[in-house]
């Protein structure tokens, strides 16, 4: 099993998120997975179901690059709903 946080599988889109006065860029499964699973100032409880879907999709994409498109869509949905897309 591949470790999702170290996956270099590219997402089908690059996301730029403004957070705490800086911009975070996510272009790979690993970058997105770390962003969603590392404790930060973002509280995901309000978006618990979408967060779970995105993390699960990223885990799948880390194992199988063919799942990068659904993972990108799940991540896009979560970030858009949370109002984090810049």
N, C-alpha and C. Protein backbone atom coordinates (compact mmCIF):
# COMPACT_ATOMS: atom_id res chain seq x y z
N UNK A 1 0.84 -1.18 0.00
CA UNK A 1 0.00 0.00 0.00
C UNK A 1 0.88 1.24 0.00
N UNK A 2 0.60 2.15 -0.90
CA UNK A 2 1.35 3.39 -1.02
C UNK A 2 0.90 4.38 0.05
N UNK A 3 1.83 5.13 0.60
CA UNK A 3 1.50 6.16 1.59
C UNK A 3 0.95 7.38 0.85
N UNK A 4 -0.32 7.72 1.09
CA UNK A 4 -0.93 8.82 0.35
C UNK A 4 -0.20 10.16 0.51
N UNK A 5 0.35 10.42 1.67
CA UNK A 5 0.99 11.72 1.91
C UNK A 5 2.27 11.92 1.10
N UNK A 6 2.84 10.83 0.58
CA UNK A 6 4.06 10.96 -0.22
C UNK A 6 3.82 10.71 -1.70
N UNK A 7 2.56 10.62 -2.09
CA UNK A 7 2.22 10.34 -3.49
C UNK A 7 2.52 11.53 -4.39
N UNK A 8 3.16 11.25 -5.51
CA UNK A 8 3.46 12.26 -6.51
C UNK A 8 2.47 12.22 -7.67
N UNK A 9 1.41 11.45 -7.52
CA UNK A 9 0.39 11.37 -8.57
C UNK A 9 -0.21 12.76 -8.78
N UNK A 10 -0.17 13.27 -10.00
CA UNK A 10 -0.72 14.61 -10.23
C UNK A 10 -2.24 14.62 -10.19
N UNK A 11 -2.78 15.68 -9.63
CA UNK A 11 -4.22 15.92 -9.71
C UNK A 11 -4.51 16.45 -11.11
N UNK A 12 -5.77 16.43 -11.52
CA UNK A 12 -6.09 16.93 -12.85
C UNK A 12 -6.22 18.46 -12.87
N UNK A 13 -6.08 19.09 -11.72
CA UNK A 13 -6.09 20.55 -11.60
C UNK A 13 -5.17 20.93 -10.45
N UNK A 14 -4.62 22.13 -10.52
CA UNK A 14 -3.82 22.66 -9.40
C UNK A 14 -4.71 23.62 -8.62
N UNK A 15 -4.75 23.42 -7.31
CA UNK A 15 -5.57 24.26 -6.45
C UNK A 15 -4.69 25.22 -5.68
N UNK A 16 -5.13 26.46 -5.61
CA UNK A 16 -4.44 27.48 -4.81
C UNK A 16 -5.41 27.94 -3.74
N UNK A 17 -4.99 27.80 -2.49
CA UNK A 17 -5.84 28.11 -1.35
C UNK A 17 -5.18 29.21 -0.54
N UNK A 18 -5.94 30.26 -0.24
CA UNK A 18 -5.42 31.33 0.62
C UNK A 18 -5.75 30.98 2.06
N UNK A 19 -4.71 30.94 2.88
CA UNK A 19 -4.89 30.55 4.28
C UNK A 19 -3.87 31.27 5.13
N UNK A 20 -4.33 31.92 6.18
CA UNK A 20 -3.46 32.61 7.12
C UNK A 20 -2.50 33.59 6.43
N UNK A 21 -3.00 34.33 5.45
CA UNK A 21 -2.20 35.33 4.77
C UNK A 21 -1.26 34.80 3.71
N UNK A 22 -1.23 33.50 3.50
CA UNK A 22 -0.36 32.91 2.48
C UNK A 22 -1.17 32.08 1.51
N UNK A 23 -0.52 31.65 0.45
CA UNK A 23 -1.17 30.81 -0.55
C UNK A 23 -0.53 29.43 -0.53
N UNK A 24 -1.36 28.43 -0.48
CA UNK A 24 -0.92 27.04 -0.53
C UNK A 24 -1.33 26.48 -1.88
N UNK A 25 -0.39 25.85 -2.57
CA UNK A 25 -0.66 25.27 -3.87
C UNK A 25 -0.67 23.75 -3.74
N UNK A 26 -1.65 23.12 -4.35
CA UNK A 26 -1.75 21.66 -4.34
C UNK A 26 -1.88 21.15 -5.76
N UNK A 27 -0.88 20.42 -6.21
CA UNK A 27 -0.89 19.88 -7.57
C UNK A 27 -0.80 18.36 -7.58
N UNK A 28 -0.47 17.75 -6.43
CA UNK A 28 -0.34 16.29 -6.37
C UNK A 28 -1.26 15.73 -5.29
N UNK A 29 -1.50 14.45 -5.37
CA UNK A 29 -2.31 13.75 -4.37
C UNK A 29 -1.68 13.93 -2.98
N UNK A 30 -0.38 13.79 -2.90
CA UNK A 30 0.31 13.90 -1.61
C UNK A 30 0.15 15.28 -0.98
N UNK A 31 0.28 16.32 -1.78
CA UNK A 31 0.13 17.68 -1.25
C UNK A 31 -1.29 17.90 -0.74
N UNK A 32 -2.27 17.46 -1.48
CA UNK A 32 -3.67 17.62 -1.07
C UNK A 32 -3.97 16.79 0.18
N UNK A 33 -3.46 15.57 0.20
CA UNK A 33 -3.69 14.68 1.35
C UNK A 33 -3.10 15.30 2.62
N UNK A 34 -1.89 15.79 2.52
CA UNK A 34 -1.26 16.42 3.69
C UNK A 34 -2.05 17.64 4.15
N UNK A 35 -2.54 18.44 3.21
CA UNK A 35 -3.32 19.63 3.54
C UNK A 35 -4.58 19.24 4.31
N UNK A 36 -5.25 18.17 3.88
CA UNK A 36 -6.51 17.78 4.51
C UNK A 36 -6.33 17.02 5.81
N UNK A 37 -5.18 16.40 6.00
CA UNK A 37 -5.02 15.54 7.19
C UNK A 37 -4.10 16.12 8.26
N UNK A 38 -3.40 17.20 7.97
CA UNK A 38 -2.53 17.83 8.95
C UNK A 38 -3.35 18.82 9.76
N UNK A 39 -3.26 18.75 11.08
CA UNK A 39 -4.00 19.73 11.88
C UNK A 39 -3.61 21.16 11.50
N UNK A 40 -4.62 22.00 11.34
CA UNK A 40 -4.38 23.39 10.95
C UNK A 40 -5.48 24.26 11.53
N UNK A 41 -5.54 25.48 11.07
CA UNK A 41 -6.55 26.41 11.56
C UNK A 41 -7.92 26.14 10.95
N UNK A 42 -8.00 25.22 10.00
CA UNK A 42 -9.27 24.91 9.35
C UNK A 42 -9.99 23.83 10.16
N UNK A 43 -11.24 24.07 10.46
CA UNK A 43 -12.06 23.09 11.16
C UNK A 43 -12.94 22.40 10.14
N UNK A 44 -12.70 21.12 9.92
CA UNK A 44 -13.41 20.39 8.89
C UNK A 44 -14.73 19.79 9.38
N UNK A 45 -15.07 19.93 10.66
CA UNK A 45 -16.28 19.30 11.19
C UNK A 45 -17.55 19.72 10.43
N UNK A 46 -17.62 20.97 10.03
CA UNK A 46 -18.80 21.45 9.30
C UNK A 46 -18.93 20.73 7.95
N UNK A 47 -17.81 20.29 7.42
CA UNK A 47 -17.78 19.65 6.11
C UNK A 47 -17.31 18.20 6.25
N UNK A 48 -17.70 17.56 7.34
CA UNK A 48 -17.19 16.22 7.69
C UNK A 48 -17.36 15.20 6.57
N UNK A 49 -18.54 15.14 5.99
CA UNK A 49 -18.81 14.16 4.94
C UNK A 49 -17.97 14.44 3.69
N UNK A 50 -17.91 15.71 3.28
CA UNK A 50 -17.11 16.06 2.10
C UNK A 50 -15.63 15.83 2.37
N UNK A 51 -15.18 16.12 3.59
CA UNK A 51 -13.78 15.89 3.96
C UNK A 51 -13.46 14.40 3.89
N UNK A 52 -14.34 13.58 4.43
CA UNK A 52 -14.14 12.13 4.39
C UNK A 52 -14.07 11.64 2.95
N UNK A 53 -14.98 12.11 2.11
CA UNK A 53 -14.99 11.71 0.70
C UNK A 53 -13.69 12.09 0.00
N UNK A 54 -13.22 13.31 0.25
CA UNK A 54 -11.98 13.78 -0.39
C UNK A 54 -10.78 12.98 0.08
N UNK A 55 -10.67 12.74 1.37
CA UNK A 55 -9.53 11.98 1.90
C UNK A 55 -9.56 10.55 1.36
N UNK A 56 -10.73 9.93 1.35
CA UNK A 56 -10.85 8.57 0.80
C UNK A 56 -10.48 8.52 -0.68
N UNK A 57 -10.94 9.50 -1.42
CA UNK A 57 -10.62 9.56 -2.85
C UNK A 57 -9.13 9.75 -3.09
N UNK A 58 -8.49 10.58 -2.27
CA UNK A 58 -7.05 10.79 -2.40
C UNK A 58 -6.28 9.52 -2.06
N UNK A 59 -6.73 8.78 -1.06
CA UNK A 59 -6.09 7.49 -0.74
C UNK A 59 -6.17 6.55 -1.94
N UNK A 60 -7.35 6.51 -2.58
CA UNK A 60 -7.52 5.67 -3.76
C UNK A 60 -6.61 6.09 -4.89
N UNK A 61 -6.50 7.40 -5.10
CA UNK A 61 -5.65 7.92 -6.18
C UNK A 61 -4.18 7.65 -5.92
N UNK A 62 -3.79 7.57 -4.65
CA UNK A 62 -2.40 7.25 -4.32
C UNK A 62 -2.07 5.82 -4.73
N UNK A 63 -3.07 4.97 -4.69
CA UNK A 63 -2.90 3.56 -5.08
C UNK A 63 -3.05 3.36 -6.59
N UNK A 64 -3.93 4.15 -7.20
CA UNK A 64 -4.25 3.96 -8.61
C UNK A 64 -4.43 5.33 -9.26
N UNK A 65 -3.48 5.72 -10.08
CA UNK A 65 -3.49 7.05 -10.71
C UNK A 65 -4.74 7.29 -11.56
N UNK A 66 -5.41 6.23 -12.00
CA UNK A 66 -6.63 6.38 -12.78
C UNK A 66 -7.74 7.04 -11.95
N UNK A 67 -7.58 7.05 -10.63
CA UNK A 67 -8.58 7.65 -9.74
C UNK A 67 -8.28 9.10 -9.41
N UNK A 68 -7.32 9.70 -10.10
CA UNK A 68 -6.94 11.09 -9.83
C UNK A 68 -8.07 12.06 -10.19
N UNK A 69 -8.82 11.78 -11.25
CA UNK A 69 -9.92 12.69 -11.63
C UNK A 69 -11.03 12.71 -10.58
N UNK A 70 -11.51 11.55 -10.10
CA UNK A 70 -12.52 11.60 -9.04
C UNK A 70 -11.98 12.23 -7.75
N UNK A 71 -10.72 12.02 -7.45
CA UNK A 71 -10.12 12.64 -6.26
C UNK A 71 -10.06 14.15 -6.43
N UNK A 72 -9.71 14.61 -7.62
CA UNK A 72 -9.68 16.04 -7.89
C UNK A 72 -11.07 16.65 -7.73
N UNK A 73 -12.08 15.96 -8.22
CA UNK A 73 -13.45 16.46 -8.11
C UNK A 73 -13.90 16.52 -6.65
N UNK A 74 -13.57 15.50 -5.86
CA UNK A 74 -13.94 15.48 -4.45
C UNK A 74 -13.24 16.62 -3.70
N UNK A 75 -11.97 16.84 -4.01
CA UNK A 75 -11.21 17.93 -3.39
C UNK A 75 -11.79 19.29 -3.79
N UNK A 76 -12.12 19.45 -5.06
CA UNK A 76 -12.70 20.70 -5.56
C UNK A 76 -14.03 21.00 -4.85
N UNK A 77 -14.86 19.99 -4.69
CA UNK A 77 -16.14 20.16 -4.01
C UNK A 77 -15.95 20.61 -2.57
N UNK A 78 -15.04 19.97 -1.86
CA UNK A 78 -14.77 20.34 -0.47
C UNK A 78 -14.24 21.76 -0.36
N UNK A 79 -13.24 22.09 -1.14
CA UNK A 79 -12.63 23.41 -1.06
C UNK A 79 -13.61 24.52 -1.46
N UNK A 80 -14.42 24.26 -2.48
CA UNK A 80 -15.40 25.25 -2.91
C UNK A 80 -16.45 25.48 -1.83
N UNK A 81 -16.96 24.40 -1.25
CA UNK A 81 -17.98 24.51 -0.22
C UNK A 81 -17.42 25.23 1.01
N UNK A 82 -16.15 24.98 1.32
CA UNK A 82 -15.52 25.63 2.47
C UNK A 82 -15.12 27.08 2.18
N UNK A 83 -15.24 27.50 0.91
CA UNK A 83 -14.91 28.87 0.53
C UNK A 83 -13.42 29.14 0.53
N UNK A 84 -12.62 28.12 0.23
CA UNK A 84 -11.17 28.26 0.29
C UNK A 84 -10.50 28.46 -1.07
N UNK A 85 -11.23 28.25 -2.15
CA UNK A 85 -10.60 28.41 -3.47
C UNK A 85 -10.36 29.88 -3.76
N UNK A 86 -9.17 30.17 -4.28
CA UNK A 86 -8.86 31.57 -4.59
C UNK A 86 -8.95 31.83 -6.07
